[in-house]
Amino acid sequence: MKSVVSKSAKRKTSTKAGVKSGKGILVVGSMNVDMVVKTARIPKPGETLLGGVFNQFHGGKGANQAFSASMLCRETFMCAGVGDDSLGRDYLEYFKKQKINISLVRKFKGAHTGVAVIMVGGKGENSISVAPGANMMLTPEHMKALDFSKFSFAVFQLETPSDTVMEGLKRAKEAGCSTALTPAPARLLPSEILPFIDYIVPNEHEVLLLQKGYKDFEKAAKNLVKKGVGHVIVTLGSKGCMVVDSSGQKRYGVYNVKPVDTVGAGDCFTGSLAAGLKLYGGDIEKAVMLATAAASLSVTRMGAQSARPLADVKKFMAANKIS
């Protein structure tokens, strides 16, 4: 199979409202401050390790995706909830400097901005605990107040309330947006929401948790397509990714890099995928290749928001071969 998407499927994707219109990308989701300790290995339960190095980074799956998308497509908007604390104020100032539009970010009085405590081992593996704070205060009413018709793509995750995500997906799709969902933290999705998702991006473990009764991730991905999801892109870590849609399935490899920190790599992939779909008029194969390169580059630096600009990603693609 030369391409994962048939010609008819490509035509359908490229003519969706907003793909070639120059409209921006909207990311609806979480903003967290990441407190990261890097050690030789991740401690076992009840164990204390000395000698770690501490860093503080900007994170949250939504904000990570918005940052990554903005590196490739400057017309990127963030919709999230933050507290009226110093962490929230500093985060918004940082995003302003990154030229990410924060006009849709809500500040909630008396709430704390989301915080993630992250342990990173010597091989780049990680363990994460999140205190979501103001992220959970973003409601369906906030989605109803958004004019999704102003955007080409609307990207969601599951670090905000489920009913907020469901309302946002429906309204975005009805307004003519292409929609993307990273289903993490993974949970069972109601079948009625699946037709509102054009691109769902789980890893091989998450895709099994989205439906009942599946032990094989390929079968689970195919069933999501049968139930109405446009494209399922299963990320496989060092094994690349697999794209499944109504025309079949195809695997993509990875670029060989030495990982320093894998936190946020999946978010970089999704944000870059949305930007790639916009840049390439809905061509999923080109978008996946761009997202793979962007995510590969991101893990060579510390921090969940370590995506590189478009010029750097293209230079990397030209100089390296995918395995």
C-alpha atoms as a PDB file:
ATOM      1  CA  MET A   1       0.000   0.000   0.000  1.00  0.00           C
ATOM      2  CA  LYS A   2       1.674   3.209  -1.144  1.00  0.00           C
ATOM      3  CA  SER A   3      -0.356   5.494   1.065  1.00  0.00           C
ATOM      4  CA  VAL A   4      -2.416   5.020   4.169  1.00  0.00           C
ATOM      5  CA  VAL A   5      -5.102   7.309   2.782  1.00  0.00           C
ATOM      6  CA  SER A   6      -6.913   6.696  -0.487  1.00  0.00           C
ATOM      7  CA  LYS A   7      -7.262   9.490  -3.039  1.00  0.00           C
ATOM      8  CA  SER A   8     -10.934   9.885  -2.224  1.00  0.00           C
ATOM      9  CA  ALA A   9     -10.152  10.040   1.492  1.00  0.00           C
ATOM     10  CA  LYS A  10      -7.510  12.707   0.859  1.00  0.00           C
ATOM     11  CA  ARG A  11      -9.974  14.792  -1.115  1.00  0.00           C
ATOM     12  CA  LYS A  12     -12.465  14.538   1.695  1.00  0.00           C
ATOM     13  CA  THR A  13      -9.883  15.626   4.269  1.00  0.00           C
ATOM     14  CA  SER A  14      -8.412  18.481   2.235  1.00  0.00           C
ATOM     15  CA  THR A  15     -11.790  20.056   1.580  1.00  0.00           C
ATOM     16  CA  LYS A  16     -12.867  20.206   5.216  1.00  0.00           C
ATOM     17  CA  ALA A  17     -13.744  23.691   6.362  1.00  0.00           C
ATOM     18  CA  GLY A  18     -10.694  25.701   7.271  1.00  0.00           C
ATOM     19  CA  VAL A  19      -7.893  23.372   6.132  1.00  0.00           C
ATOM     20  CA  LYS A  20      -6.737  25.706   3.350  1.00  0.00           C
ATOM     21  CA  SER A  21      -8.383  28.879   4.614  1.00  0.00           C
ATOM     22  CA  GLY A  22      -5.486  30.192   6.674  1.00  0.00           C
ATOM     23  CA  LYS A  23      -7.476  29.908   9.889  1.00  0.00           C
ATOM     24  CA  GLY A  24      -5.583  29.078  13.048  1.00  0.00           C
ATOM     25  CA  ILE A  25      -5.265  26.077  15.328  1.00  0.00           C
ATOM     26  CA  LEU A  26      -7.115  26.067  18.652  1.00  0.00           C
ATOM     27  CA  VAL A  27      -5.895  23.862  21.481  1.00  0.00           C
ATOM     28  CA  VAL A  28      -8.344  23.339  24.339  1.00  0.00           C
ATOM     29  CA  GLY A  29      -6.828  21.715  27.374  1.00  0.00           C
ATOM     30  CA  SER A  30      -4.525  21.802  30.356  1.00  0.00           C
ATOM     31  CA  MET A  31      -1.777  24.136  31.498  1.00  0.00           C
ATOM     32  CA  ASN A  32       0.488  22.746  34.220  1.00  0.00           C
ATOM     33  CA  VAL A  33       3.790  23.715  35.755  1.00  0.00           C
ATOM     34  CA  ASP A  34       6.097  20.692  35.705  1.00  0.00           C
ATOM     35  CA  MET A  35       8.333  20.096  38.732  1.00  0.00           C
ATOM     36  CA  VAL A  36      10.937  17.673  37.371  1.00  0.00           C
ATOM     37  CA  VAL A  37      13.534  15.653  39.268  1.00  0.00           C
ATOM     38  CA  LYS A  38      16.010  13.724  37.118  1.00  0.00           C
ATOM     39  CA  THR A  39      17.709  10.747  38.794  1.00  0.00           C
ATOM     40  CA  ALA A  40      19.657   7.658  37.768  1.00  0.00           C
ATOM     41  CA  ARG A  41      16.417   5.684  37.993  1.00  0.00           C
ATOM     42  CA  ILE A  42      12.839   6.161  39.135  1.00  0.00           C
ATOM     43  CA  PRO A  43      12.471   5.262  42.849  1.00  0.00           C
ATOM     44  CA  LYS A  44      10.522   2.196  43.877  1.00  0.00           C
ATOM     45  CA  PRO A  45       7.432   2.662  46.120  1.00  0.00           C
ATOM     46  CA  GLY A  46       8.597   3.766  49.567  1.00  0.00           C
ATOM     47  CA  GLU A  47      12.169   4.375  48.413  1.00  0.00           C
ATOM     48  CA  THR A  48      14.087   7.655  48.686  1.00  0.00           C
ATOM     49  CA  LEU A  49      16.942   8.461  46.291  1.00  0.00           C
ATOM     50  CA  LEU A  50      19.463  11.267  46.758  1.00  0.00           C
ATOM     51  CA  GLY A  51      21.451  13.007  44.067  1.00  0.00           C
ATOM     52  CA  GLY A  52      18.662  14.110  41.732  1.00  0.00           C
ATOM     53  CA  VAL A  53      18.681  17.353  39.735  1.00  0.00           C
ATOM     54  CA  PHE A  54      15.606  19.616  39.930  1.00  0.00           C
ATOM     55  CA  ASN A  55      14.153  21.739  37.123  1.00  0.00           C
ATOM     56  CA  GLN A  56      10.872  23.573  36.633  1.00  0.00           C
ATOM     57  CA  PHE A  57       9.227  23.634  33.221  1.00  0.00           C
ATOM     58  CA  HIS A  58       5.990  24.735  31.608  1.00  0.00           C
ATOM     59  CA  GLY A  59       3.754  21.750  30.822  1.00  0.00           C
ATOM     60  CA  GLY A  60       0.246  20.330  30.676  1.00  0.00           C
ATOM     61  CA  LYS A  61      -0.795  18.219  27.699  1.00  0.00           C
ATOM     62  CA  GLY A  62      -2.833  21.031  26.157  1.00  0.00           C
ATOM     63  CA  ALA A  63      -0.148  23.668  26.553  1.00  0.00           C
ATOM     64  CA  ASN A  64       2.516  21.249  25.298  1.00  0.00           C
ATOM     65  CA  GLN A  65       0.495  20.662  22.160  1.00  0.00           C
ATOM     66  CA  ALA A  66      -0.144  24.372  21.662  1.00  0.00           C
ATOM     67  CA  PHE A  67       3.572  25.115  22.044  1.00  0.00           C
ATOM     68  CA  SER A  68       4.503  22.396  19.543  1.00  0.00           C
ATOM     69  CA  ALA A  69       1.874  23.498  17.039  1.00  0.00           C
ATOM     70  CA  SER A  70       3.039  27.110  17.340  1.00  0.00           C
ATOM     71  CA  MET A  71       6.605  26.142  16.428  1.00  0.00           C
ATOM     72  CA  LEU A  72       5.300  25.016  13.031  1.00  0.00           C
ATOM     73  CA  CYS A  73       2.226  27.231  12.649  1.00  0.00           C
ATOM     74  CA  ARG A  74       2.262  30.624  14.327  1.00  0.00           C
ATOM     75  CA  GLU A  75      -1.545  31.015  14.202  1.00  0.00           C
ATOM     76  CA  THR A  76      -2.029  28.980  17.386  1.00  0.00           C
ATOM     77  CA  PHE A  77      -4.533  29.770  20.138  1.00  0.00           C
ATOM     78  CA  MET A  78      -4.777  28.326  23.657  1.00  0.00           C
ATOM     79  CA  CYS A  79      -7.993  27.846  25.645  1.00  0.00           C
ATOM     80  CA  ALA A  80      -7.412  26.682  29.223  1.00  0.00           C
ATOM     81  CA  GLY A  81      -8.016  27.417  32.881  1.00  0.00           C
ATOM     82  CA  VAL A  82      -5.312  28.806  35.179  1.00  0.00           C
ATOM     83  CA  GLY A  83      -5.341  30.028  38.765  1.00  0.00           C
ATOM     84  CA  ASP A  84      -4.876  33.621  39.867  1.00  0.00           C
ATOM     85  CA  ASP A  85      -1.536  32.656  41.405  1.00  0.00           C
ATOM     86  CA  SER A  86       2.058  33.446  40.515  1.00  0.00           C
ATOM     87  CA  LEU A  87       2.398  30.190  38.555  1.00  0.00           C
ATOM     88  CA  GLY A  88      -0.525  31.136  36.329  1.00  0.00           C
ATOM     89  CA  ARG A  89       0.661  34.699  35.805  1.00  0.00           C
ATOM     90  CA  ASP A  90       4.164  33.572  34.913  1.00  0.00           C
ATOM     91  CA  TYR A  91       2.835  30.932  32.527  1.00  0.00           C
ATOM     92  CA  LEU A  92       0.675  33.415  30.624  1.00  0.00           C
ATOM     93  CA  GLU A  93       3.561  35.851  30.354  1.00  0.00           C
ATOM     94  CA  TYR A  94       5.731  33.040  28.978  1.00  0.00           C
ATOM     95  CA  PHE A  95       3.140  32.117  26.343  1.00  0.00           C
ATOM     96  CA  LYS A  96       2.850  35.761  25.318  1.00  0.00           C
ATOM     97  CA  LYS A  97       6.586  35.806  24.671  1.00  0.00           C
ATOM     98  CA  GLN A  98       6.200  32.636  22.591  1.00  0.00           C
ATOM     99  CA  LYS A  99       3.544  34.478  20.518  1.00  0.00           C
ATOM    100  CA  ILE A 100       0.818  31.967  21.389  1.00  0.00           C
ATOM    101  CA  ASN A 101      -2.564  33.657  21.553  1.00  0.00           C
ATOM    102  CA  ILE A 102      -3.883  33.414  25.151  1.00  0.00           C
ATOM    103  CA  SER A 103      -7.017  35.533  24.750  1.00  0.00           C
ATOM    104  CA  LEU A 104      -9.185  32.458  25.392  1.00  0.00           C
ATOM    105  CA  VAL A 105      -7.435  31.385  28.605  1.00  0.00           C
ATOM    106  CA  ARG A 106      -9.668  31.711  31.684  1.00  0.00           C
ATOM    107  CA  LYS A 107      -8.321  32.904  35.056  1.00  0.00           C
ATOM    108  CA  PHE A 108     -10.141  31.419  38.053  1.00  0.00           C
ATOM    109  CA  LYS A 109     -10.032  33.358  41.310  1.00  0.00           C
ATOM    110  CA  GLY A 110      -8.908  31.371  44.335  1.00  0.00           C
ATOM    111  CA  ALA A 111      -7.779  28.372  42.282  1.00  0.00           C
ATOM    112  CA  HIS A 112      -4.245  27.102  41.866  1.00  0.00           C
ATOM    113  CA  THR A 113      -2.675  26.536  38.479  1.00  0.00           C
ATOM    114  CA  GLY A 114      -2.165  22.864  37.626  1.00  0.00           C
ATOM    115  CA  VAL A 115       1.053  21.245  38.837  1.00  0.00           C
ATOM    116  CA  ALA A 116       2.741  18.030  37.694  1.00  0.00           C
ATOM    117  CA  VAL A 117       5.456  16.275  39.720  1.00  0.00           C
ATOM    118  CA  ILE A 118       7.660  14.289  37.336  1.00  0.00           C
ATOM    119  CA  MET A 119      10.433  11.778  37.946  1.00  0.00           C
ATOM    120  CA  VAL A 120      12.771  11.165  34.993  1.00  0.00           C
ATOM    121  CA  GLY A 121      15.128   8.169  35.001  1.00  0.00           C
ATOM    122  CA  GLY A 122      18.546   7.867  33.423  1.00  0.00           C
ATOM    123  CA  LYS A 123      17.174   6.294  30.235  1.00  0.00           C
ATOM    124  CA  GLY A 124      14.567   9.019  29.713  1.00  0.00           C
ATOM    125  CA  GLU A 125      11.677   7.043  31.226  1.00  0.00           C
ATOM    126  CA  ASN A 126       9.271   8.989  33.440  1.00  0.00           C
ATOM    127  CA  SER A 127       6.640   8.785  36.177  1.00  0.00           C
ATOM    128  CA  ILE A 128       4.103  11.607  36.591  1.00  0.00           C
ATOM    129  CA  SER A 129       1.576  12.746  39.216  1.00  0.00           C
ATOM    130  CA  VAL A 130      -0.721  15.710  38.491  1.00  0.00           C
ATOM    131  CA  ALA A 131      -2.682  18.111  40.726  1.00  0.00           C
ATOM    132  CA  PRO A 132      -5.004  19.604  38.056  1.00  0.00           C
ATOM    133  CA  GLY A 133      -6.308  22.665  39.920  1.00  0.00           C
ATOM    134  CA  ALA A 134      -7.876  25.241  37.580  1.00  0.00           C
ATOM    135  CA  ASN A 135      -7.771  22.815  34.648  1.00  0.00           C
ATOM    136  CA  MET A 136     -10.860  21.130  36.062  1.00  0.00           C
ATOM    137  CA  MET A 137     -12.785  24.422  36.189  1.00  0.00           C
ATOM    138  CA  LEU A 138     -13.118  24.704  32.407  1.00  0.00           C
ATOM    139  CA  THR A 139     -16.789  23.864  31.749  1.00  0.00           C
ATOM    140  CA  PRO A 140     -19.126  23.021  28.827  1.00  0.00           C
ATOM    141  CA  GLU A 141     -20.458  26.573  29.116  1.00  0.00           C
ATOM    142  CA  HIS A 142     -17.001  27.857  28.229  1.00  0.00           C
ATOM    143  CA  MET A 143     -17.109  25.665  25.098  1.00  0.00           C
ATOM    144  CA  LYS A 144     -20.502  27.069  24.161  1.00  0.00           C
ATOM    145  CA  ALA A 145     -19.038  30.572  24.339  1.00  0.00           C
ATOM    146  CA  LEU A 146     -16.268  29.785  21.820  1.00  0.00           C
ATOM    147  CA  ASP A 147     -16.627  30.590  18.122  1.00  0.00           C
ATOM    148  CA  PHE A 148     -15.027  27.460  16.672  1.00  0.00           C
ATOM    149  CA  SER A 149     -15.715  28.633  13.111  1.00  0.00           C
ATOM    150  CA  LYS A 150     -12.664  30.898  13.419  1.00  0.00           C
ATOM    151  CA  PHE A 151     -10.326  27.899  13.456  1.00  0.00           C
ATOM    152  CA  SER A 152      -9.166  25.187  11.068  1.00  0.00           C
ATOM    153  CA  PHE A 153      -8.378  22.656  13.775  1.00  0.00           C
ATOM    154  CA  ALA A 154      -9.486  22.126  17.361  1.00  0.00           C
ATOM    155  CA  VAL A 155      -7.288  19.876  19.482  1.00  0.00           C
ATOM    156  CA  PHE A 156      -8.352  18.323  22.810  1.00  0.00           C
ATOM    157  CA  GLN A 157      -7.018  15.990  25.520  1.00  0.00           C
ATOM    158  CA  LEU A 158      -8.575  14.475  28.663  1.00  0.00           C
ATOM    159  CA  GLU A 159      -6.870  16.553  31.374  1.00  0.00           C
ATOM    160  CA  THR A 160      -9.979  18.754  31.596  1.00  0.00           C
ATOM    161  CA  PRO A 161     -13.490  17.559  32.555  1.00  0.00           C
ATOM    162  CA  SER A 162     -14.947  14.918  30.223  1.00  0.00           C
ATOM    163  CA  ASP A 163     -18.186  16.789  29.622  1.00  0.00           C
ATOM    164  CA  THR A 164     -16.193  19.870  28.618  1.00  0.00           C
ATOM    165  CA  VAL A 165     -14.189  17.865  26.088  1.00  0.00           C
ATOM    166  CA  MET A 166     -17.323  16.207  24.679  1.00  0.00           C
ATOM    167  CA  GLU A 167     -19.085  19.557  24.293  1.00  0.00           C
ATOM    168  CA  GLY A 168     -16.026  21.074  22.658  1.00  0.00           C
ATOM    169  CA  LEU A 169     -15.619  18.240  20.162  1.00  0.00           C
ATOM    170  CA  LYS A 170     -19.274  18.439  19.114  1.00  0.00           C
ATOM    171  CA  ARG A 171     -19.288  22.199  18.714  1.00  0.00           C
ATOM    172  CA  ALA A 172     -15.971  22.257  16.872  1.00  0.00           C
ATOM    173  CA  LYS A 173     -17.076  19.599  14.407  1.00  0.00           C
ATOM    174  CA  GLU A 174     -20.428  21.277  13.834  1.00  0.00           C
ATOM    175  CA  ALA A 175     -18.605  24.565  13.153  1.00  0.00           C
ATOM    176  CA  GLY A 176     -16.534  22.952  10.398  1.00  0.00           C
ATOM    177  CA  CYS A 177     -13.276  22.361  12.311  1.00  0.00           C
ATOM    178  CA  SER A 178     -11.162  19.297  11.899  1.00  0.00           C
ATOM    179  CA  THR A 179     -10.910  17.786  15.379  1.00  0.00           C
ATOM    180  CA  ALA A 180      -8.143  15.890  17.155  1.00  0.00           C
ATOM    181  CA  LEU A 181      -8.129  14.152  20.528  1.00  0.00           C
ATOM    182  CA  THR A 182      -5.298  12.776  22.618  1.00  0.00           C
ATOM    183  CA  PRO A 183      -7.204  10.360  24.901  1.00  0.00           C
ATOM    184  CA  ALA A 184      -4.969  10.732  27.948  1.00  0.00           C
ATOM    185  CA  PRO A 185      -5.363  10.066  30.769  1.00  0.00           C
ATOM    186  CA  ALA A 186      -7.150   7.214  28.977  1.00  0.00           C
ATOM    187  CA  ARG A 187     -10.735   6.357  29.851  1.00  0.00           C
ATOM    188  CA  LEU A 188     -13.723   4.707  28.220  1.00  0.00           C
ATOM    189  CA  LEU A 189     -15.184   7.035  25.579  1.00  0.00           C
ATOM    190  CA  PRO A 190     -18.936   7.164  24.895  1.00  0.00           C
ATOM    191  CA  SER A 191     -19.660   5.789  21.420  1.00  0.00           C
ATOM    192  CA  GLU A 192     -21.787   8.804  20.481  1.00  0.00           C
ATOM    193  CA  ILE A 193     -18.766  11.134  20.626  1.00  0.00           C
ATOM    194  CA  LEU A 194     -16.568   9.093  18.264  1.00  0.00           C
ATOM    195  CA  PRO A 195     -18.020  10.458  14.975  1.00  0.00           C
ATOM    196  CA  PHE A 196     -17.016  13.952  16.121  1.00  0.00           C
ATOM    197  CA  ILE A 197     -13.321  12.966  16.191  1.00  0.00           C
ATOM    198  CA  ASP A 198     -11.366  13.255  12.934  1.00  0.00           C
ATOM    199  CA  TYR A 199      -7.996  12.270  14.415  1.00  0.00           C
ATOM    200  CA  ILE A 200      -7.484  10.370  17.653  1.00  0.00           C
ATOM    201  CA  VAL A 201      -3.900   9.889  18.862  1.00  0.00           C
ATOM    202  CA  PRO A 202      -3.544   7.249  21.614  1.00  0.00           C
ATOM    203  CA  ASN A 203      -0.541   5.138  22.446  1.00  0.00           C
ATOM    204  CA  GLU A 204      -0.803   1.349  22.198  1.00  0.00           C
ATOM    205  CA  HIS A 205      -1.950   1.050  25.812  1.00  0.00           C
ATOM    206  CA  GLU A 206      -4.450   3.900  25.741  1.00  0.00           C
ATOM    207  CA  VAL A 207      -6.255   2.626  22.646  1.00  0.00           C
ATOM    208  CA  LEU A 208      -7.202  -0.534  24.579  1.00  0.00           C
ATOM    209  CA  LEU A 209      -8.783   1.530  27.360  1.00  0.00           C
ATOM    210  CA  LEU A 210     -11.065   3.533  25.066  1.00  0.00           C
ATOM    211  CA  GLN A 211     -13.377   0.564  24.471  1.00  0.00           C
ATOM    212  CA  LYS A 212     -14.319  -2.605  26.308  1.00  0.00           C
ATOM    213  CA  GLY A 213     -13.059  -6.062  25.462  1.00  0.00           C
ATOM    214  CA  TYR A 214      -9.933  -5.433  23.396  1.00  0.00           C
ATOM    215  CA  LYS A 215      -6.471  -6.892  24.003  1.00  0.00           C
ATOM    216  CA  ASP A 216      -5.002  -6.232  20.545  1.00  0.00           C
ATOM    217  CA  PHE A 217      -4.319  -2.563  19.797  1.00  0.00           C
ATOM    218  CA  GLU A 218      -4.653  -2.976  16.025  1.00  0.00           C
ATOM    219  CA  LYS A 219      -8.138  -4.486  16.348  1.00  0.00           C
ATOM    220  CA  ALA A 220      -9.068  -1.771  18.832  1.00  0.00           C
ATOM    221  CA  ALA A 221      -7.925   0.931  16.388  1.00  0.00           C
ATOM    222  CA  LYS A 222      -9.899  -0.610  13.530  1.00  0.00           C
ATOM    223  CA  ASN A 223     -13.024  -0.754  15.664  1.00  0.00           C
ATOM    224  CA  LEU A 224     -12.736   2.954  16.493  1.00  0.00           C
ATOM    225  CA  VAL A 225     -12.781   3.667  12.760  1.00  0.00           C
ATOM    226  CA  LYS A 226     -15.857   1.448  12.346  1.00  0.00           C
ATOM    227  CA  LYS A 227     -17.570   3.477  15.065  1.00  0.00           C
ATOM    228  CA  GLY A 228     -16.951   6.778  13.295  1.00  0.00           C
ATOM    229  CA  VAL A 229     -13.459   8.065  14.093  1.00  0.00           C
ATOM    230  CA  GLY A 230     -11.843   9.413  10.936  1.00  0.00           C
ATOM    231  CA  HIS A 231      -8.224   8.415  11.581  1.00  0.00           C
ATOM    232  CA  VAL A 232      -6.591   6.541  14.456  1.00  0.00           C
ATOM    233  CA  ILE A 233      -2.894   7.284  14.891  1.00  0.00           C
ATOM    234  CA  VAL A 234      -1.406   4.885  17.449  1.00  0.00           C
ATOM    235  CA  THR A 235       1.954   6.070  18.757  1.00  0.00           C
ATOM    236  CA  LEU A 236       4.370   3.216  19.472  1.00  0.00           C
ATOM    237  CA  GLY A 237       7.316   4.974  21.099  1.00  0.00           C
ATOM    238  CA  SER A 238      10.622   3.778  19.645  1.00  0.00           C
ATOM    239  CA  LYS A 239       8.674   1.664  17.126  1.00  0.00           C
ATOM    240  CA  GLY A 240       7.112   4.699  15.421  1.00  0.00           C
ATOM    241  CA  CYS A 241       3.365   4.863  14.846  1.00  0.00           C
ATOM    242  CA  MET A 242       0.522   3.209  12.987  1.00  0.00           C
ATOM    243  CA  VAL A 243      -2.237   5.021  11.109  1.00  0.00           C
ATOM    244  CA  VAL A 244      -5.593   3.307  10.655  1.00  0.00           C
ATOM    245  CA  ASP A 245      -8.503   4.702   8.648  1.00  0.00           C
ATOM    246  CA  SER A 246     -11.250   3.480   6.339  1.00  0.00           C
ATOM    247  CA  SER A 247      -8.739   2.740   3.550  1.00  0.00           C
ATOM    248  CA  GLY A 248      -6.484   0.475   5.624  1.00  0.00           C
ATOM    249  CA  GLN A 249      -3.480   0.832   7.872  1.00  0.00           C
ATOM    250  CA  LYS A 250       0.166   1.771   7.567  1.00  0.00           C
ATOM    251  CA  ARG A 251       3.153   1.817   9.895  1.00  0.00           C
ATOM    252  CA  TYR A 252       5.714   4.611  10.060  1.00  0.00           C
ATOM    253  CA  GLY A 253       9.212   4.330  11.511  1.00  0.00           C
ATOM    254  CA  VAL A 254      11.200   6.703  13.687  1.00  0.00           C
ATOM    255  CA  TYR A 255      14.369   8.752  13.541  1.00  0.00           C
ATOM    256  CA  ASN A 256      17.254   7.375  15.578  1.00  0.00           C
ATOM    257  CA  VAL A 257      18.126   9.902  18.283  1.00  0.00           C
ATOM    258  CA  LYS A 258      19.519   9.632  21.806  1.00  0.00           C
ATOM    259  CA  PRO A 259      16.640  10.551  24.151  1.00  0.00           C
ATOM    260  CA  VAL A 260      17.341  12.904  27.036  1.00  0.00           C
ATOM    261  CA  ASP A 261      13.760  13.411  28.223  1.00  0.00           C
ATOM    262  CA  THR A 262      10.686  11.733  26.722  1.00  0.00           C
ATOM    263  CA  VAL A 263       8.183  13.825  28.708  1.00  0.00           C
ATOM    264  CA  GLY A 264       5.863  15.566  26.256  1.00  0.00           C
ATOM    265  CA  ALA A 265       6.989  13.628  23.176  1.00  0.00           C
ATOM    266  CA  GLY A 266       3.453  12.411  22.479  1.00  0.00           C
ATOM    267  CA  ASP A 267       2.090  15.923  22.926  1.00  0.00           C
ATOM    268  CA  CYS A 268       4.704  17.255  20.516  1.00  0.00           C
ATOM    269  CA  PHE A 269       3.616  14.633  17.999  1.00  0.00           C
ATOM    270  CA  THR A 270      -0.067  15.595  18.256  1.00  0.00           C
ATOM    271  CA  GLY A 271       0.496  19.353  18.149  1.00  0.00           C
ATOM    272  CA  SER A 272       2.863  18.948  15.210  1.00  0.00           C
ATOM    273  CA  LEU A 273       0.387  16.641  13.477  1.00  0.00           C
ATOM    274  CA  ALA A 274      -2.314  19.313  13.627  1.00  0.00           C
ATOM    275  CA  ALA A 275       0.118  21.901  12.278  1.00  0.00           C
ATOM    276  CA  GLY A 276       1.248  19.503   9.557  1.00  0.00           C
ATOM    277  CA  LEU A 277      -2.312  18.773   8.452  1.00  0.00           C
ATOM    278  CA  LYS A 278      -2.887  22.515   8.148  1.00  0.00           C
ATOM    279  CA  LEU A 279       0.411  23.150   6.344  1.00  0.00           C
ATOM    280  CA  TYR A 280      -0.077  20.249   3.922  1.00  0.00           C
ATOM    281  CA  GLY A 281      -3.766  20.720   3.188  1.00  0.00           C
ATOM    282  CA  GLY A 282      -4.914  17.611   5.042  1.00  0.00           C
ATOM    283  CA  ASP A 283      -2.284  15.213   3.654  1.00  0.00           C
ATOM    284  CA  ILE A 284      -1.994  12.830   6.601  1.00  0.00           C
ATOM    285  CA  GLU A 285       1.127  11.054   5.359  1.00  0.00           C
ATOM    286  CA  LYS A 286       3.144  14.270   5.114  1.00  0.00           C
ATOM    287  CA  ALA A 287       1.727  15.441   8.447  1.00  0.00           C
ATOM    288  CA  VAL A 288       2.710  12.192  10.188  1.00  0.00           C
ATOM    289  CA  MET A 289       6.252  12.395   8.813  1.00  0.00           C
ATOM    290  CA  LEU A 290       6.583  15.992  10.021  1.00  0.00           C
ATOM    291  CA  ALA A 291       5.164  15.118  13.455  1.00  0.00           C
ATOM    292  CA  THR A 292       7.519  12.156  13.772  1.00  0.00           C
ATOM    293  CA  ALA A 293      10.534  14.356  13.065  1.00  0.00           C
ATOM    294  CA  ALA A 294       9.349  17.082  15.441  1.00  0.00           C
ATOM    295  CA  ALA A 295       8.778  14.589  18.261  1.00  0.00           C
ATOM    296  CA  SER A 296      12.157  12.924  17.617  1.00  0.00           C
ATOM    297  CA  LEU A 297      13.927  16.257  17.949  1.00  0.00           C
ATOM    298  CA  SER A 298      11.978  17.185  21.072  1.00  0.00           C
ATOM    299  CA  VAL A 299      13.267  14.270  23.159  1.00  0.00           C
ATOM    300  CA  THR A 300      16.873  15.419  22.724  1.00  0.00           C
ATOM    301  CA  ARG A 301      16.228  18.282  25.177  1.00  0.00           C
ATOM    302  CA  MET A 302      14.849  18.486  28.705  1.00  0.00           C
ATOM    303  CA  GLY A 303      11.297  19.714  29.270  1.00  0.00           C
ATOM    304  CA  ALA A 304       7.889  18.941  27.851  1.00  0.00           C
ATOM    305  CA  GLN A 305       7.995  22.063  25.664  1.00  0.00           C
ATOM    306  CA  SER A 306      11.194  21.456  23.734  1.00  0.00           C
ATOM    307  CA  ALA A 307       9.802  21.463  20.187  1.00  0.00           C
ATOM    308  CA  ARG A 308      11.895  23.172  17.508  1.00  0.00           C
ATOM    309  CA  PRO A 309      10.857  25.677  14.804  1.00  0.00           C
ATOM    310  CA  LEU A 310       9.714  24.460  11.383  1.00  0.00           C
ATOM    311  CA  ALA A 311      13.032  25.305   9.716  1.00  0.00           C
ATOM    312  CA  ASP A 312      14.936  23.154  12.225  1.00  0.00           C
ATOM    313  CA  VAL A 313      12.545  20.233  11.772  1.00  0.00           C
ATOM    314  CA  LYS A 314      12.824  20.365   7.981  1.00  0.00           C
ATOM    315  CA  LYS A 315      16.623  20.556   8.231  1.00  0.00           C
ATOM    316  CA  PHE A 316      16.591  17.507  10.500  1.00  0.00           C
ATOM    317  CA  MET A 317      14.372  15.597   8.044  1.00  0.00           C
ATOM    318  CA  ALA A 318      16.684  16.424   5.155  1.00  0.00           C
ATOM    319  CA  ALA A 319      19.771  15.256   7.040  1.00  0.00           C
ATOM    320  CA  ASN A 320      18.360  12.052   8.545  1.00  0.00           C
ATOM    321  CA  LYS A 321      16.533   8.956   7.338  1.00  0.00           C
ATOM    322  CA  ILE A 322      13.584   7.388   9.066  1.00  0.00           C
ATOM    323  CA  SER A 323      14.134   3.797  10.172  1.00  0.00           C
END
